Amino acid sequence: MYLGVRRLALAGEGRARAELHAQRVVAFEERFGIHVESKLQQLILKRRTLVHVLNFGYATLNVGLTVGWLIVLFRRRDPAFHRYRRAALLSVLGAQPVFLLFPVAPPRTLDHLVDTMSDVSGIDLDTGLIEKLYHPLAALPSIHVTIAEVTAAGIRESARSPAMRALAPLYPPLVSVVVLLTANHYVVDALAGSALGRGSVVIARLLDRPRNAGD
């Protein structure tokens, strides 16, 4: 479904629409004084090693932790596996109507922001195999933040380590900082992604109650 929505969003004037929507997002953020992406980037651009680490985290660690935690729950035969697998699915599916009807180009495509993936790490997300496997106009909401909320909720509920449970709430804000510093998402994207992730967890828990009651 994700790749099908990508194909529909890119068809015809898709990129032009997404660029227009990006300008509207920036205008909205400026109106409320939250368009801080450029200022945040200026704090780290001279620290190239840090930028490389952030790029790596954006590209791999976020999804890896979500999938990894679900694998841990599955291998433990933890009942929470079904709940958080469902929440992850709901969060991704819930974003698809927005991706289709309101495609938004990421901030890294704007003149006043830096594409850290390309300019610092030399990775072009818009060429080769990578380009075919991700949706370049799916900035709003941030799926990275969405699944971070799902993963954090799962860790808070089912981690055996007290330290992991205590640190779990910090994970979504950390991911938000990463996506903003790398200019892959806007502040609005992070907020919308957080709301979608939290809502998906709530719905997954509600759907889980009848099965648990039957048990």
C-alpha atoms as a PDB file:
ATOM      1  CA  MET A   1       0.000   0.000   0.000  1.00  0.00           C
ATOM      2  CA  TYR A   2       2.833   2.383   0.885  1.00  0.00           C
ATOM      3  CA  LEU A   3       4.473   1.910  -2.522  1.00  0.00           C
ATOM      4  CA  GLY A   4       1.120   2.105  -4.292  1.00  0.00           C
ATOM      5  CA  VAL A   5       0.328   5.442  -2.630  1.00  0.00           C
ATOM      6  CA  ARG A   6       3.843   6.606  -3.533  1.00  0.00           C
ATOM      7  CA  ARG A   7       3.196   5.845  -7.189  1.00  0.00           C
ATOM      8  CA  LEU A   8      -0.125   7.703  -7.202  1.00  0.00           C
ATOM      9  CA  ALA A   9       1.300  10.714  -5.358  1.00  0.00           C
ATOM     10  CA  LEU A  10       4.214  11.040  -7.790  1.00  0.00           C
ATOM     11  CA  ALA A  11       2.001  10.798 -10.884  1.00  0.00           C
ATOM     12  CA  GLY A  12       1.403  13.868 -13.016  1.00  0.00           C
ATOM     13  CA  GLU A  13       1.920  17.115 -11.107  1.00  0.00           C
ATOM     14  CA  GLY A  14       2.664  15.299  -7.861  1.00  0.00           C
ATOM     15  CA  ARG A  15       6.033  16.893  -7.180  1.00  0.00           C
ATOM     16  CA  ALA A  16       4.730  20.375  -7.967  1.00  0.00           C
ATOM     17  CA  ARG A  17       1.814  19.841  -5.565  1.00  0.00           C
ATOM     18  CA  ALA A  18       4.163  18.581  -2.879  1.00  0.00           C
ATOM     19  CA  GLU A  19       6.420  21.640  -3.258  1.00  0.00           C
ATOM     20  CA  LEU A  20       3.400  23.931  -2.957  1.00  0.00           C
ATOM     21  CA  HIS A  21       2.243  22.091   0.150  1.00  0.00           C
ATOM     22  CA  ALA A  22       5.749  22.384   1.606  1.00  0.00           C
ATOM     23  CA  GLN A  23       5.566  26.150   1.197  1.00  0.00           C
ATOM     24  CA  ARG A  24       2.212  26.133   2.970  1.00  0.00           C
ATOM     25  CA  VAL A  25       3.655  24.119   5.844  1.00  0.00           C
ATOM     26  CA  VAL A  26       6.529  26.608   6.172  1.00  0.00           C
ATOM     27  CA  ALA A  27       4.088  29.524   6.099  1.00  0.00           C
ATOM     28  CA  PHE A  28       2.002  27.842   8.808  1.00  0.00           C
ATOM     29  CA  GLU A  29       5.052  27.295  10.992  1.00  0.00           C
ATOM     30  CA  GLU A  30       6.263  30.864  10.487  1.00  0.00           C
ATOM     31  CA  ARG A  31       2.854  32.165  11.464  1.00  0.00           C
ATOM     32  CA  PHE A  32       3.097  30.372  14.803  1.00  0.00           C
ATOM     33  CA  GLY A  33       6.812  30.957  15.298  1.00  0.00           C
ATOM     34  CA  ILE A  34       7.849  27.298  15.113  1.00  0.00           C
ATOM     35  CA  HIS A  35       9.795  27.241  11.840  1.00  0.00           C
ATOM     36  CA  VAL A  36      13.091  26.541  13.589  1.00  0.00           C
ATOM     37  CA  GLU A  37      14.506  23.826  11.334  1.00  0.00           C
ATOM     38  CA  SER A  38      17.171  26.075   9.768  1.00  0.00           C
ATOM     39  CA  LYS A  39      18.308  27.462  13.128  1.00  0.00           C
ATOM     40  CA  LEU A  40      18.630  23.956  14.516  1.00  0.00           C
ATOM     41  CA  GLN A  41      20.687  22.848  11.538  1.00  0.00           C
ATOM     42  CA  GLN A  42      23.123  25.722  11.962  1.00  0.00           C
ATOM     43  CA  LEU A  43      24.014  24.339  15.388  1.00  0.00           C
ATOM     44  CA  ILE A  44      25.417  21.092  13.986  1.00  0.00           C
ATOM     45  CA  LEU A  45      26.453  21.546  10.343  1.00  0.00           C
ATOM     46  CA  LYS A  46      30.110  22.257  11.224  1.00  0.00           C
ATOM     47  CA  ARG A  47      30.242  19.038  13.281  1.00  0.00           C
ATOM     48  CA  ARG A  48      30.390  16.668  10.331  1.00  0.00           C
ATOM     49  CA  THR A  49      30.983  13.530  12.380  1.00  0.00           C
ATOM     50  CA  LEU A  50      27.845  14.252  14.361  1.00  0.00           C
ATOM     51  CA  VAL A  51      25.923  14.862  11.144  1.00  0.00           C
ATOM     52  CA  HIS A  52      27.093  11.496   9.778  1.00  0.00           C
ATOM     53  CA  VAL A  53      25.858   9.818  12.956  1.00  0.00           C
ATOM     54  CA  LEU A  54      22.482  11.570  12.693  1.00  0.00           C
ATOM     55  CA  ASN A  55      22.146  10.559   9.040  1.00  0.00           C
ATOM     56  CA  PHE A  56      22.929   6.949   9.916  1.00  0.00           C
ATOM     57  CA  GLY A  57      20.397   7.042  12.732  1.00  0.00           C
ATOM     58  CA  TYR A  58      17.735   8.476  10.442  1.00  0.00           C
ATOM     59  CA  ALA A  59      18.346   5.883   7.733  1.00  0.00           C
ATOM     60  CA  THR A  60      18.636   2.727   9.821  1.00  0.00           C
ATOM     61  CA  LEU A  61      18.333   2.817  13.595  1.00  0.00           C
ATOM     62  CA  ASN A  62      14.748   4.028  13.926  1.00  0.00           C
ATOM     63  CA  VAL A  63      13.137   1.312  11.824  1.00  0.00           C
ATOM     64  CA  GLY A  64      15.687  -1.206  13.094  1.00  0.00           C
ATOM     65  CA  LEU A  65      14.723  -0.621  16.715  1.00  0.00           C
ATOM     66  CA  THR A  66      11.004  -0.923  15.971  1.00  0.00           C
ATOM     67  CA  VAL A  67      11.421  -4.190  14.074  1.00  0.00           C
ATOM     68  CA  GLY A  68      14.003  -5.417  16.586  1.00  0.00           C
ATOM     69  CA  TRP A  69      11.717  -4.820  19.548  1.00  0.00           C
ATOM     70  CA  LEU A  70       8.857  -6.658  17.846  1.00  0.00           C
ATOM     71  CA  ILE A  71      11.230  -9.586  17.228  1.00  0.00           C
ATOM     72  CA  VAL A  72      12.174  -9.593  20.922  1.00  0.00           C
ATOM     73  CA  LEU A  73       8.503  -9.698  21.930  1.00  0.00           C
ATOM     74  CA  PHE A  74       7.771 -12.453  19.414  1.00  0.00           C
ATOM     75  CA  ARG A  75      10.664 -14.624  20.567  1.00  0.00           C
ATOM     76  CA  ARG A  76       9.550 -14.200  24.194  1.00  0.00           C
ATOM     77  CA  ARG A  77       5.990 -15.171  23.199  1.00  0.00           C
ATOM     78  CA  ASP A  78       4.945 -11.945  24.892  1.00  0.00           C
ATOM     79  CA  PRO A  79       1.223 -11.137  24.383  1.00  0.00           C
ATOM     80  CA  ALA A  80       2.261  -7.510  23.830  1.00  0.00           C
ATOM     81  CA  PHE A  81       3.713  -8.550  20.462  1.00  0.00           C
ATOM     82  CA  HIS A  82       0.267  -8.691  18.856  1.00  0.00           C
ATOM     83  CA  ARG A  83      -0.731  -5.331  20.318  1.00  0.00           C
ATOM     84  CA  TYR A  84       2.338  -3.434  19.127  1.00  0.00           C
ATOM     85  CA  ARG A  85       2.514  -5.182  15.775  1.00  0.00           C
ATOM     86  CA  ARG A  86      -1.072  -3.998  15.287  1.00  0.00           C
ATOM     87  CA  ALA A  87      -0.179  -0.485  16.470  1.00  0.00           C
ATOM     88  CA  ALA A  88       2.751  -0.289  14.037  1.00  0.00           C
ATOM     89  CA  LEU A  89       0.509  -1.397  11.188  1.00  0.00           C
ATOM     90  CA  LEU A  90      -2.237   1.065  12.136  1.00  0.00           C
ATOM     91  CA  SER A  91       0.251   3.930  12.328  1.00  0.00           C
ATOM     92  CA  VAL A  92       1.641   3.288   8.846  1.00  0.00           C
ATOM     93  CA  LEU A  93      -1.806   2.734   7.320  1.00  0.00           C
ATOM     94  CA  GLY A  94      -3.171   5.825   9.043  1.00  0.00           C
ATOM     95  CA  ALA A  95      -0.620   8.030   7.310  1.00  0.00           C
ATOM     96  CA  GLN A  96      -1.414   6.842   3.788  1.00  0.00           C
ATOM     97  CA  PRO A  97      -4.500   9.049   3.157  1.00  0.00           C
ATOM     98  CA  VAL A  98      -2.449  12.137   4.048  1.00  0.00           C
ATOM     99  CA  PHE A  99       0.441  10.998   1.861  1.00  0.00           C
ATOM    100  CA  LEU A 100      -1.987  10.574  -1.031  1.00  0.00           C
ATOM    101  CA  LEU A 101      -4.183  13.658  -0.629  1.00  0.00           C
ATOM    102  CA  PHE A 102      -1.639  16.115   0.798  1.00  0.00           C
ATOM    103  CA  PRO A 103       1.848  15.124  -0.397  1.00  0.00           C
ATOM    104  CA  VAL A 104       4.554  17.315   1.126  1.00  0.00           C
ATOM    105  CA  ALA A 105       8.151  17.685  -0.048  1.00  0.00           C
ATOM    106  CA  PRO A 106      10.675  17.360   2.810  1.00  0.00           C
ATOM    107  CA  PRO A 107      12.468  20.460   4.097  1.00  0.00           C
ATOM    108  CA  ARG A 108      15.786  19.258   2.681  1.00  0.00           C
ATOM    109  CA  THR A 109      14.438  20.250  -0.753  1.00  0.00           C
ATOM    110  CA  LEU A 110      14.080  23.911   0.285  1.00  0.00           C
ATOM    111  CA  ASP A 111      16.732  26.505  -0.512  1.00  0.00           C
ATOM    112  CA  HIS A 112      17.300  27.650   3.079  1.00  0.00           C
ATOM    113  CA  LEU A 113      17.935  24.143   4.431  1.00  0.00           C
ATOM    114  CA  VAL A 114      20.711  21.606   3.849  1.00  0.00           C
ATOM    115  CA  ASP A 115      20.212  18.065   2.597  1.00  0.00           C
ATOM    116  CA  THR A 116      22.617  16.469   5.058  1.00  0.00           C
ATOM    117  CA  MET A 117      22.247  13.013   3.516  1.00  0.00           C
ATOM    118  CA  SER A 118      23.502  14.236   0.148  1.00  0.00           C
ATOM    119  CA  ASP A 119      25.758  17.164   1.047  1.00  0.00           C
ATOM    120  CA  VAL A 120      27.508  15.597   4.043  1.00  0.00           C
ATOM    121  CA  SER A 121      27.174  11.814   3.766  1.00  0.00           C
ATOM    122  CA  GLY A 122      27.068  11.628  -0.028  1.00  0.00           C
ATOM    123  CA  ILE A 123      23.877   9.555  -0.128  1.00  0.00           C
ATOM    124  CA  ASP A 124      21.330  10.554  -2.748  1.00  0.00           C
ATOM    125  CA  LEU A 125      17.907   9.307  -1.659  1.00  0.00           C
ATOM    126  CA  ASP A 126      16.441  10.121  -5.065  1.00  0.00           C
ATOM    127  CA  THR A 127      18.484   7.725  -7.198  1.00  0.00           C
ATOM    128  CA  GLY A 128      18.941   3.991  -7.594  1.00  0.00           C
ATOM    129  CA  LEU A 129      17.272   1.304  -5.501  1.00  0.00           C
ATOM    130  CA  ILE A 130      16.734   3.630  -2.530  1.00  0.00           C
ATOM    131  CA  GLU A 131      14.546   5.913  -4.643  1.00  0.00           C
ATOM    132  CA  LYS A 132      12.241   3.007  -5.527  1.00  0.00           C
ATOM    133  CA  LEU A 133      11.689   1.910  -1.916  1.00  0.00           C
ATOM    134  CA  TYR A 134      10.733   5.133  -0.180  1.00  0.00           C
ATOM    135  CA  HIS A 135       8.159   7.860  -0.707  1.00  0.00           C
ATOM    136  CA  PRO A 136       9.942  11.189  -1.344  1.00  0.00           C
ATOM    137  CA  LEU A 137       6.783  13.261  -0.848  1.00  0.00           C
ATOM    138  CA  ALA A 138       5.694  11.751   2.479  1.00  0.00           C
ATOM    139  CA  ALA A 139       7.041  14.331   4.912  1.00  0.00           C
ATOM    140  CA  LEU A 140       3.731  14.880   6.725  1.00  0.00           C
ATOM    141  CA  PRO A 141       3.275  13.127   9.119  1.00  0.00           C
ATOM    142  CA  SER A 142       6.700  11.817  10.109  1.00  0.00           C
ATOM    143  CA  ILE A 143       6.503   8.028  10.114  1.00  0.00           C
ATOM    144  CA  HIS A 144       9.838   7.991  11.939  1.00  0.00           C
ATOM    145  CA  VAL A 145       8.280   9.775  14.903  1.00  0.00           C
ATOM    146  CA  THR A 146       5.076   7.745  14.587  1.00  0.00           C
ATOM    147  CA  ILE A 147       6.770   4.376  14.955  1.00  0.00           C
ATOM    148  CA  ALA A 148       9.060   5.813  17.628  1.00  0.00           C
ATOM    149  CA  GLU A 149       5.950   6.492  19.716  1.00  0.00           C
ATOM    150  CA  VAL A 150       4.743   2.928  19.139  1.00  0.00           C
ATOM    151  CA  THR A 151       8.128   1.470  20.046  1.00  0.00           C
ATOM    152  CA  ALA A 152       8.476   3.648  23.143  1.00  0.00           C
ATOM    153  CA  ALA A 153       5.041   2.574  24.350  1.00  0.00           C
ATOM    154  CA  GLY A 154       5.958  -1.063  23.831  1.00  0.00           C
ATOM    155  CA  ILE A 155       9.236  -0.715  25.720  1.00  0.00           C
ATOM    156  CA  ARG A 156       7.534   1.132  28.589  1.00  0.00           C
ATOM    157  CA  GLU A 157       5.024  -1.684  28.923  1.00  0.00           C
ATOM    158  CA  SER A 158       7.074  -4.809  28.362  1.00  0.00           C
ATOM    159  CA  ALA A 159      10.806  -4.177  28.843  1.00  0.00           C
ATOM    160  CA  ARG A 160      12.282  -6.245  31.637  1.00  0.00           C
ATOM    161  CA  SER A 161      14.907  -3.613  32.441  1.00  0.00           C
ATOM    162  CA  PRO A 162      13.731  -0.763  34.715  1.00  0.00           C
ATOM    163  CA  ALA A 163      16.283   1.516  33.051  1.00  0.00           C
ATOM    164  CA  MET A 164      14.834   0.836  29.584  1.00  0.00           C
ATOM    165  CA  ARG A 165      11.317   1.479  30.827  1.00  0.00           C
ATOM    166  CA  ALA A 166      12.442   4.755  32.415  1.00  0.00           C
ATOM    167  CA  LEU A 167      14.288   5.941  29.285  1.00  0.00           C
ATOM    168  CA  ALA A 168      11.602   4.900  26.767  1.00  0.00           C
ATOM    169  CA  PRO A 169       9.670   8.226  26.891  1.00  0.00           C
ATOM    170  CA  LEU A 170      12.815  10.028  25.710  1.00  0.00           C
ATOM    171  CA  TYR A 171      12.963   8.057  22.483  1.00  0.00           C
ATOM    172  CA  PRO A 172      10.288   9.899  20.420  1.00  0.00           C
ATOM    173  CA  PRO A 173      11.725  13.363  21.280  1.00  0.00           C
ATOM    174  CA  LEU A 174      15.174  12.079  20.304  1.00  0.00           C
ATOM    175  CA  VAL A 175      13.883  10.855  16.951  1.00  0.00           C
ATOM    176  CA  SER A 176      12.124  14.197  16.457  1.00  0.00           C
ATOM    177  CA  VAL A 177      15.425  16.019  16.952  1.00  0.00           C
ATOM    178  CA  VAL A 178      17.144  13.713  14.437  1.00  0.00           C
ATOM    179  CA  VAL A 179      14.537  14.234  11.692  1.00  0.00           C
ATOM    180  CA  LEU A 180      14.613  18.000  12.220  1.00  0.00           C
ATOM    181  CA  LEU A 181      18.408  18.337  12.268  1.00  0.00           C
ATOM    182  CA  THR A 182      18.743  16.286   9.084  1.00  0.00           C
ATOM    183  CA  ALA A 183      16.006  18.394   7.400  1.00  0.00           C
ATOM    184  CA  ASN A 184      13.907  15.367   6.581  1.00  0.00           C
ATOM    185  CA  HIS A 185      10.828  16.633   8.424  1.00  0.00           C
ATOM    186  CA  TYR A 186       9.201  19.827   9.673  1.00  0.00           C
ATOM    187  CA  VAL A 187       8.173  20.556  13.248  1.00  0.00           C
ATOM    188  CA  VAL A 188       4.554  20.041  12.160  1.00  0.00           C
ATOM    189  CA  ASP A 189       5.489  16.617  10.762  1.00  0.00           C
ATOM    190  CA  ALA A 190       6.976  15.546  14.090  1.00  0.00           C
ATOM    191  CA  LEU A 191       3.927  16.740  16.025  1.00  0.00           C
ATOM    192  CA  ALA A 192       1.531  15.014  13.625  1.00  0.00           C
ATOM    193  CA  GLY A 193       3.626  11.840  13.693  1.00  0.00           C
ATOM    194  CA  SER A 194       3.602  11.806  17.483  1.00  0.00           C
ATOM    195  CA  ALA A 195      -0.176  12.209  17.579  1.00  0.00           C
ATOM    196  CA  LEU A 196      -0.651   9.428  15.009  1.00  0.00           C
ATOM    197  CA  GLY A 197       1.642   7.065  16.905  1.00  0.00           C
ATOM    198  CA  ARG A 198      -0.041   7.691  20.242  1.00  0.00           C
ATOM    199  CA  GLY A 199      -3.482   7.302  18.677  1.00  0.00           C
ATOM    200  CA  SER A 200      -2.466   4.030  17.028  1.00  0.00           C
ATOM    201  CA  VAL A 201      -1.322   2.644  20.381  1.00  0.00           C
ATOM    202  CA  VAL A 202      -4.629   3.616  21.998  1.00  0.00           C
ATOM    203  CA  ILE A 203      -6.646   1.966  19.216  1.00  0.00           C
ATOM    204  CA  ALA A 204      -4.480  -1.176  19.305  1.00  0.00           C
ATOM    205  CA  ARG A 205      -5.041  -1.484  23.049  1.00  0.00           C
ATOM    206  CA  LEU A 206      -8.801  -1.072  22.605  1.00  0.00           C
ATOM    207  CA  LEU A 207      -8.840  -3.760  19.918  1.00  0.00           C
ATOM    208  CA  ASP A 208      -6.844  -6.017  22.195  1.00  0.00           C
ATOM    209  CA  ARG A 209      -9.345  -5.904  25.077  1.00  0.00           C
ATOM    210  CA  PRO A 210     -12.009  -8.277  23.674  1.00  0.00           C
ATOM    211  CA  ARG A 211      -9.386 -10.948  22.951  1.00  0.00           C
ATOM    212  CA  ASN A 212      -7.877 -10.566  26.419  1.00  0.00           C
ATOM    213  CA  ALA A 213     -11.339 -10.651  27.998  1.00  0.00           C
ATOM    214  CA  GLY A 214     -12.091 -13.869  26.123  1.00  0.00           C
ATOM    215  CA  ASP A 215      -8.864 -15.404  27.406  1.00  0.00           C
END
